[in-house]
């Protein structure tokens, strides 16, 4: 069983930065693929980024490439999303997700086993 708790959301001006964290509980964290999704008001949840568990490979949605960076610290059982050059259209609730795999496909396609409660990110223009 894995529990996920997001933090780091907030209000920021366009062009600013935020770093989201996802703290995971559970002894098997290091073997799980993890990722971030987001959901804006009136829109469906969409994939943002994913990271593998070993020699991590990363994946990004096209709309965040070059602006967001996903990383993980297995010693701290925490995953991060560094968000730079934020735009008003990045406003959404951001969700952390995790799955035992294999690979990252279940995370990237939104059918992972575990989800956090979400953290609000608001970007003002």
N, C-alpha and C. Protein backbone atom coordinates (compact mmCIF):
# COMPACT_ATOMS: atom_id res chain seq x y z
N UNK A 1 0.85 -1.19 0.00
CA UNK A 1 0.00 0.00 0.00
C UNK A 1 0.89 1.24 0.00
N UNK A 2 0.55 2.21 -0.81
CA UNK A 2 1.29 3.46 -0.91
C UNK A 2 0.32 4.61 -0.70
N UNK A 3 0.70 5.54 0.13
CA UNK A 3 -0.06 6.78 0.31
C UNK A 3 0.75 7.94 -0.21
N UNK A 4 0.07 8.86 -0.90
CA UNK A 4 0.74 9.98 -1.55
C UNK A 4 0.16 11.29 -1.05
N UNK A 5 1.04 12.23 -0.69
CA UNK A 5 0.60 13.53 -0.21
C UNK A 5 1.36 14.61 -0.96
N UNK A 6 0.61 15.43 -1.71
CA UNK A 6 1.22 16.52 -2.46
C UNK A 6 1.32 17.78 -1.61
N UNK A 7 2.29 18.62 -1.94
CA UNK A 7 2.43 19.93 -1.32
C UNK A 7 3.18 20.85 -2.28
N UNK A 8 3.17 22.14 -1.96
CA UNK A 8 3.94 23.09 -2.75
C UNK A 8 3.13 23.93 -3.71
N UNK A 9 1.84 23.65 -3.82
CA UNK A 9 1.02 24.47 -4.70
C UNK A 9 0.81 25.86 -4.12
N UNK A 10 0.21 26.73 -4.92
CA UNK A 10 -0.04 28.09 -4.46
C UNK A 10 -0.34 29.01 -5.61
N UNK A 11 -0.29 30.31 -5.31
CA UNK A 11 -0.56 31.36 -6.29
C UNK A 11 0.76 31.98 -6.72
N UNK A 12 0.95 32.10 -8.03
CA UNK A 12 2.19 32.67 -8.56
C UNK A 12 1.84 33.48 -9.80
N UNK A 13 2.64 34.49 -10.07
CA UNK A 13 2.43 35.28 -11.28
C UNK A 13 2.99 34.56 -12.50
N UNK A 14 2.45 34.88 -13.65
CA UNK A 14 2.95 34.30 -14.90
C UNK A 14 4.45 34.57 -15.02
N UNK A 15 5.17 33.54 -15.45
CA UNK A 15 6.62 33.64 -15.55
C UNK A 15 7.35 33.17 -14.31
N UNK A 16 6.60 32.95 -13.24
CA UNK A 16 7.20 32.52 -11.99
C UNK A 16 7.41 31.02 -11.92
N UNK A 17 7.84 30.56 -10.74
CA UNK A 17 8.17 29.15 -10.54
C UNK A 17 7.53 28.62 -9.27
N UNK A 18 7.29 27.33 -9.27
CA UNK A 18 6.85 26.59 -8.09
C UNK A 18 7.49 25.22 -8.14
N UNK A 19 7.69 24.62 -6.96
CA UNK A 19 8.13 23.24 -6.90
C UNK A 19 7.13 22.43 -6.10
N UNK A 20 6.53 21.48 -6.76
CA UNK A 20 5.60 20.58 -6.08
C UNK A 20 6.36 19.38 -5.53
N UNK A 21 5.89 18.90 -4.40
CA UNK A 21 6.46 17.70 -3.79
C UNK A 21 5.36 16.66 -3.62
N UNK A 22 5.75 15.41 -3.70
CA UNK A 22 4.82 14.30 -3.44
C UNK A 22 5.54 13.35 -2.50
N UNK A 23 5.10 13.35 -1.25
CA UNK A 23 5.69 12.47 -0.24
C UNK A 23 4.95 11.14 -0.26
N UNK A 24 5.70 10.07 -0.36
CA UNK A 24 5.11 8.74 -0.45
C UNK A 24 5.43 7.92 0.79
N UNK A 25 4.47 7.20 1.27
CA UNK A 25 4.70 6.25 2.35
C UNK A 25 4.64 4.85 1.78
N UNK A 26 5.32 3.93 2.43
CA UNK A 26 5.32 2.58 1.91
C UNK A 26 6.74 2.14 1.59
N UNK A 27 7.07 0.94 1.97
CA UNK A 27 8.44 0.48 1.85
C UNK A 27 8.84 0.16 0.43
N UNK A 28 7.88 0.08 -0.50
CA UNK A 28 8.22 -0.29 -1.86
C UNK A 28 8.29 0.91 -2.78
N UNK A 29 8.35 2.12 -2.21
CA UNK A 29 8.37 3.34 -3.02
C UNK A 29 9.42 3.27 -4.10
N UNK A 30 10.60 2.79 -3.76
CA UNK A 30 11.71 2.83 -4.70
C UNK A 30 11.47 1.98 -5.95
N UNK A 31 10.51 1.10 -5.94
CA UNK A 31 10.25 0.25 -7.09
C UNK A 31 9.04 0.71 -7.90
N UNK A 32 8.46 1.86 -7.55
CA UNK A 32 7.27 2.34 -8.22
C UNK A 32 7.59 3.41 -9.25
N UNK A 33 6.92 3.33 -10.38
CA UNK A 33 6.91 4.46 -11.31
C UNK A 33 6.00 5.54 -10.73
N UNK A 34 6.31 6.78 -11.01
CA UNK A 34 5.51 7.88 -10.44
C UNK A 34 5.29 8.95 -11.49
N UNK A 35 4.32 9.81 -11.22
CA UNK A 35 4.04 10.85 -12.20
C UNK A 35 3.13 11.93 -11.66
N UNK A 36 2.87 12.90 -12.52
CA UNK A 36 1.98 14.01 -12.22
C UNK A 36 0.92 14.13 -13.31
N UNK A 37 -0.30 14.37 -12.87
CA UNK A 37 -1.40 14.74 -13.74
C UNK A 37 -1.93 16.09 -13.25
N UNK A 38 -2.74 16.72 -14.07
CA UNK A 38 -3.40 17.94 -13.63
C UNK A 38 -4.80 17.99 -14.21
N UNK A 39 -5.65 18.75 -13.52
CA UNK A 39 -7.02 18.93 -13.98
C UNK A 39 -7.43 20.37 -13.76
N UNK A 40 -7.73 21.04 -14.85
CA UNK A 40 -8.21 22.42 -14.79
C UNK A 40 -9.73 22.42 -14.72
N UNK A 41 -10.33 23.49 -14.23
CA UNK A 41 -11.80 23.56 -14.12
C UNK A 41 -12.46 23.31 -15.47
N UNK A 42 -13.43 22.40 -15.47
CA UNK A 42 -14.16 22.12 -16.69
C UNK A 42 -13.43 21.28 -17.71
N UNK A 43 -12.24 20.81 -17.37
CA UNK A 43 -11.46 20.00 -18.29
C UNK A 43 -11.16 18.63 -17.70
N UNK A 44 -10.79 17.71 -18.56
CA UNK A 44 -10.42 16.37 -18.10
C UNK A 44 -9.00 16.38 -17.53
N UNK A 45 -8.77 15.40 -16.68
CA UNK A 45 -7.43 15.24 -16.12
C UNK A 45 -6.45 14.89 -17.25
N UNK A 46 -5.26 15.51 -17.22
CA UNK A 46 -4.30 15.27 -18.28
C UNK A 46 -2.92 14.96 -17.73
N UNK A 47 -2.18 14.17 -18.47
CA UNK A 47 -0.83 13.77 -18.09
C UNK A 47 0.12 14.95 -18.17
N UNK A 48 1.01 15.05 -17.19
CA UNK A 48 2.02 16.12 -17.16
C UNK A 48 3.42 15.54 -17.32
N UNK A 49 3.78 14.59 -16.44
CA UNK A 49 5.14 14.04 -16.46
C UNK A 49 5.17 12.72 -15.71
N UNK A 50 6.17 11.88 -16.03
CA UNK A 50 6.34 10.60 -15.36
C UNK A 50 7.81 10.28 -15.22
N UNK A 51 8.12 9.43 -14.23
CA UNK A 51 9.51 9.04 -14.00
C UNK A 51 9.55 7.59 -13.57
N UNK A 52 10.50 6.83 -14.11
CA UNK A 52 10.67 5.45 -13.74
C UNK A 52 11.33 5.31 -12.38
N UNK A 53 11.50 4.06 -11.92
CA UNK A 53 12.01 3.85 -10.57
C UNK A 53 13.49 3.55 -10.55
N UNK A 54 14.04 3.00 -11.60
CA UNK A 54 15.44 2.61 -11.60
C UNK A 54 16.14 3.25 -12.79
N UNK A 55 17.27 3.90 -12.55
CA UNK A 55 17.94 4.65 -13.61
C UNK A 55 16.90 5.48 -14.34
N UNK A 56 16.27 6.39 -13.62
CA UNK A 56 14.98 6.95 -14.04
C UNK A 56 14.97 7.54 -15.44
N UNK A 57 14.01 7.08 -16.19
CA UNK A 57 13.68 7.68 -17.47
C UNK A 57 12.51 8.61 -17.22
N UNK A 58 12.51 9.76 -17.89
CA UNK A 58 11.45 10.72 -17.69
C UNK A 58 10.64 10.93 -18.96
N UNK A 59 9.37 11.27 -18.78
CA UNK A 59 8.47 11.55 -19.89
C UNK A 59 7.73 12.85 -19.56
N UNK A 60 7.44 13.62 -20.60
CA UNK A 60 6.75 14.89 -20.41
C UNK A 60 5.68 15.07 -21.48
N UNK A 61 4.60 15.73 -21.08
CA UNK A 61 3.64 16.20 -22.07
C UNK A 61 4.30 17.33 -22.87
N UNK A 62 3.91 17.44 -24.12
CA UNK A 62 4.53 18.45 -24.98
C UNK A 62 4.39 19.86 -24.41
N UNK A 63 3.28 20.14 -23.75
CA UNK A 63 3.03 21.51 -23.31
C UNK A 63 3.89 21.92 -22.10
N UNK A 64 4.65 20.98 -21.52
CA UNK A 64 5.52 21.35 -20.40
C UNK A 64 7.00 21.13 -20.69
N UNK A 65 7.32 20.56 -21.84
CA UNK A 65 8.72 20.30 -22.17
C UNK A 65 9.53 21.58 -22.18
N UNK A 66 10.66 21.53 -21.50
CA UNK A 66 11.52 22.69 -21.40
C UNK A 66 11.17 23.63 -20.26
N UNK A 67 10.01 23.42 -19.64
CA UNK A 67 9.59 24.29 -18.52
C UNK A 67 9.51 23.53 -17.21
N UNK A 68 9.06 22.28 -17.24
CA UNK A 68 8.89 21.48 -16.03
C UNK A 68 9.95 20.39 -15.99
N UNK A 69 10.36 20.04 -14.77
CA UNK A 69 11.32 18.95 -14.57
C UNK A 69 10.83 18.04 -13.45
N UNK A 70 10.71 16.75 -13.76
CA UNK A 70 10.31 15.78 -12.75
C UNK A 70 11.56 15.09 -12.21
N UNK A 71 11.56 14.82 -10.93
CA UNK A 71 12.69 14.13 -10.30
C UNK A 71 12.19 13.39 -9.07
N UNK A 72 13.05 12.54 -8.53
CA UNK A 72 12.67 11.79 -7.33
C UNK A 72 13.91 11.59 -6.46
N UNK A 73 13.67 11.52 -5.17
CA UNK A 73 14.71 11.22 -4.19
C UNK A 73 14.24 9.98 -3.43
N UNK A 74 14.75 8.83 -3.82
CA UNK A 74 14.26 7.59 -3.21
C UNK A 74 14.61 7.51 -1.73
N UNK A 75 15.71 8.12 -1.33
CA UNK A 75 16.08 8.11 0.09
C UNK A 75 15.04 8.86 0.92
N UNK A 76 14.45 9.88 0.34
CA UNK A 76 13.43 10.67 1.05
C UNK A 76 12.02 10.24 0.66
N UNK A 77 11.91 9.25 -0.17
CA UNK A 77 10.61 8.75 -0.69
C UNK A 77 9.74 9.92 -1.15
N UNK A 78 10.34 10.80 -1.92
CA UNK A 78 9.65 12.01 -2.37
C UNK A 78 9.92 12.24 -3.85
N UNK A 79 8.89 12.66 -4.55
CA UNK A 79 9.00 13.04 -5.95
C UNK A 79 8.74 14.53 -6.05
N UNK A 80 9.34 15.15 -7.06
CA UNK A 80 9.22 16.60 -7.23
C UNK A 80 8.80 16.94 -8.65
N UNK A 81 8.19 18.12 -8.77
CA UNK A 81 7.93 18.70 -10.08
C UNK A 81 8.34 20.16 -10.00
N UNK A 82 9.46 20.48 -10.61
CA UNK A 82 9.90 21.86 -10.69
C UNK A 82 9.23 22.51 -11.89
N UNK A 83 8.48 23.56 -11.64
CA UNK A 83 7.72 24.22 -12.69
C UNK A 83 8.25 25.64 -12.87
N UNK A 84 8.80 25.91 -14.03
CA UNK A 84 9.32 27.23 -14.35
C UNK A 84 8.53 27.86 -15.49
N UNK A 85 8.69 29.15 -15.66
CA UNK A 85 8.01 29.86 -16.74
C UNK A 85 6.52 29.53 -16.77
N UNK A 86 5.90 29.60 -15.63
CA UNK A 86 4.49 29.24 -15.53
C UNK A 86 3.60 30.18 -16.31
N UNK A 87 2.53 29.61 -16.85
CA UNK A 87 1.57 30.35 -17.66
C UNK A 87 0.20 30.24 -17.01
N UNK A 88 -0.68 31.19 -17.27
CA UNK A 88 -2.05 31.09 -16.71
C UNK A 88 -2.72 29.77 -17.06
N UNK A 89 -2.44 29.22 -18.22
CA UNK A 89 -3.06 27.95 -18.61
C UNK A 89 -2.50 26.75 -17.84
N UNK A 90 -1.49 26.95 -17.02
CA UNK A 90 -1.02 25.89 -16.13
C UNK A 90 -1.85 25.80 -14.86
N UNK A 91 -2.78 26.73 -14.69
CA UNK A 91 -3.64 26.70 -13.51
C UNK A 91 -4.46 25.42 -13.49
N UNK A 92 -4.37 24.69 -12.39
CA UNK A 92 -5.04 23.39 -12.28
C UNK A 92 -4.78 22.81 -10.90
N UNK A 93 -5.50 21.74 -10.59
CA UNK A 93 -5.13 20.91 -9.45
C UNK A 93 -4.16 19.87 -9.96
N UNK A 94 -3.02 19.74 -9.30
CA UNK A 94 -1.99 18.80 -9.71
C UNK A 94 -2.01 17.59 -8.79
N UNK A 95 -2.03 16.42 -9.41
CA UNK A 95 -2.14 15.16 -8.68
C UNK A 95 -0.87 14.32 -8.86
N UNK A 96 -0.45 13.73 -7.80
CA UNK A 96 0.66 12.79 -7.80
C UNK A 96 0.08 11.38 -7.99
N UNK A 97 0.80 10.56 -8.71
CA UNK A 97 0.33 9.21 -8.95
C UNK A 97 1.50 8.23 -8.93
N UNK A 98 1.21 6.98 -8.56
CA UNK A 98 2.26 5.97 -8.46
C UNK A 98 1.71 4.60 -8.83
N UNK A 99 2.59 3.77 -9.38
CA UNK A 99 2.17 2.42 -9.79
C UNK A 99 3.36 1.48 -9.76
N UNK A 100 3.15 0.23 -9.37
CA UNK A 100 4.27 -0.73 -9.33
C UNK A 100 4.76 -1.17 -10.70
N UNK A 101 4.04 -0.85 -11.72
CA UNK A 101 4.51 -1.16 -13.06
C UNK A 101 4.08 -2.53 -13.55
N UNK A 102 4.78 -3.13 -14.54
CA UNK A 102 6.13 -2.74 -14.97
C UNK A 102 6.15 -1.48 -15.82
N UNK A 103 7.29 -0.79 -15.76
CA UNK A 103 7.47 0.42 -16.55
C UNK A 103 6.58 1.54 -16.08
N UNK A 104 6.41 2.53 -16.91
CA UNK A 104 5.66 3.73 -16.55
C UNK A 104 4.34 3.84 -17.30
N UNK A 105 3.96 2.85 -18.08
CA UNK A 105 2.81 2.99 -18.95
C UNK A 105 1.52 3.24 -18.19
N UNK A 106 1.33 2.59 -17.06
CA UNK A 106 0.10 2.80 -16.30
C UNK A 106 0.05 4.20 -15.70
N UNK A 107 1.20 4.73 -15.32
CA UNK A 107 1.24 6.11 -14.84
C UNK A 107 0.93 7.06 -15.99
N UNK A 108 1.57 6.87 -17.11
CA UNK A 108 1.41 7.79 -18.24
C UNK A 108 0.01 7.78 -18.83
N UNK A 109 -0.70 6.67 -18.70
CA UNK A 109 -2.04 6.58 -19.26
C UNK A 109 -3.14 6.81 -18.23
N UNK A 110 -2.77 7.17 -17.02
CA UNK A 110 -3.74 7.58 -16.03
C UNK A 110 -4.48 6.46 -15.33
N UNK A 111 -3.95 5.26 -15.36
CA UNK A 111 -4.63 4.14 -14.71
C UNK A 111 -3.78 3.57 -13.57
N UNK A 112 -2.91 4.39 -13.02
CA UNK A 112 -2.07 3.96 -11.91
C UNK A 112 -2.91 3.59 -10.69
N UNK A 113 -2.30 2.77 -9.85
CA UNK A 113 -3.02 2.26 -8.68
C UNK A 113 -3.24 3.31 -7.61
N UNK A 114 -2.30 4.24 -7.47
CA UNK A 114 -2.34 5.16 -6.33
C UNK A 114 -2.35 6.62 -6.79
N UNK A 115 -3.16 7.42 -6.08
CA UNK A 115 -3.29 8.84 -6.38
C UNK A 115 -3.30 9.64 -5.09
N UNK A 116 -2.74 10.85 -5.15
CA UNK A 116 -2.85 11.77 -4.05
C UNK A 116 -4.14 12.57 -4.13
N UNK A 117 -4.31 13.47 -3.17
CA UNK A 117 -5.53 14.29 -3.10
C UNK A 117 -5.44 15.54 -3.97
N UNK A 118 -4.25 15.90 -4.38
CA UNK A 118 -4.09 17.05 -5.26
C UNK A 118 -3.66 18.31 -4.52
N UNK A 119 -2.99 19.19 -5.26
CA UNK A 119 -2.60 20.50 -4.74
C UNK A 119 -2.90 21.54 -5.81
N UNK A 120 -3.48 22.66 -5.39
CA UNK A 120 -3.91 23.69 -6.33
C UNK A 120 -2.73 24.56 -6.75
N UNK A 121 -2.61 24.76 -8.04
CA UNK A 121 -1.65 25.72 -8.60
C UNK A 121 -2.45 26.76 -9.38
N UNK A 122 -2.26 28.02 -9.03
CA UNK A 122 -2.94 29.11 -9.71
C UNK A 122 -1.91 30.09 -10.23
N UNK A 123 -1.96 30.35 -11.52
CA UNK A 123 -1.02 31.27 -12.16
C UNK A 123 -1.80 32.48 -12.64
N UNK A 124 -1.47 33.63 -12.12
CA UNK A 124 -2.16 34.86 -12.49
C UNK A 124 -1.44 35.55 -13.65
N UNK A 125 -2.22 36.22 -14.47
CA UNK A 125 -1.64 36.91 -15.65
C UNK A 125 -1.22 38.33 -15.31
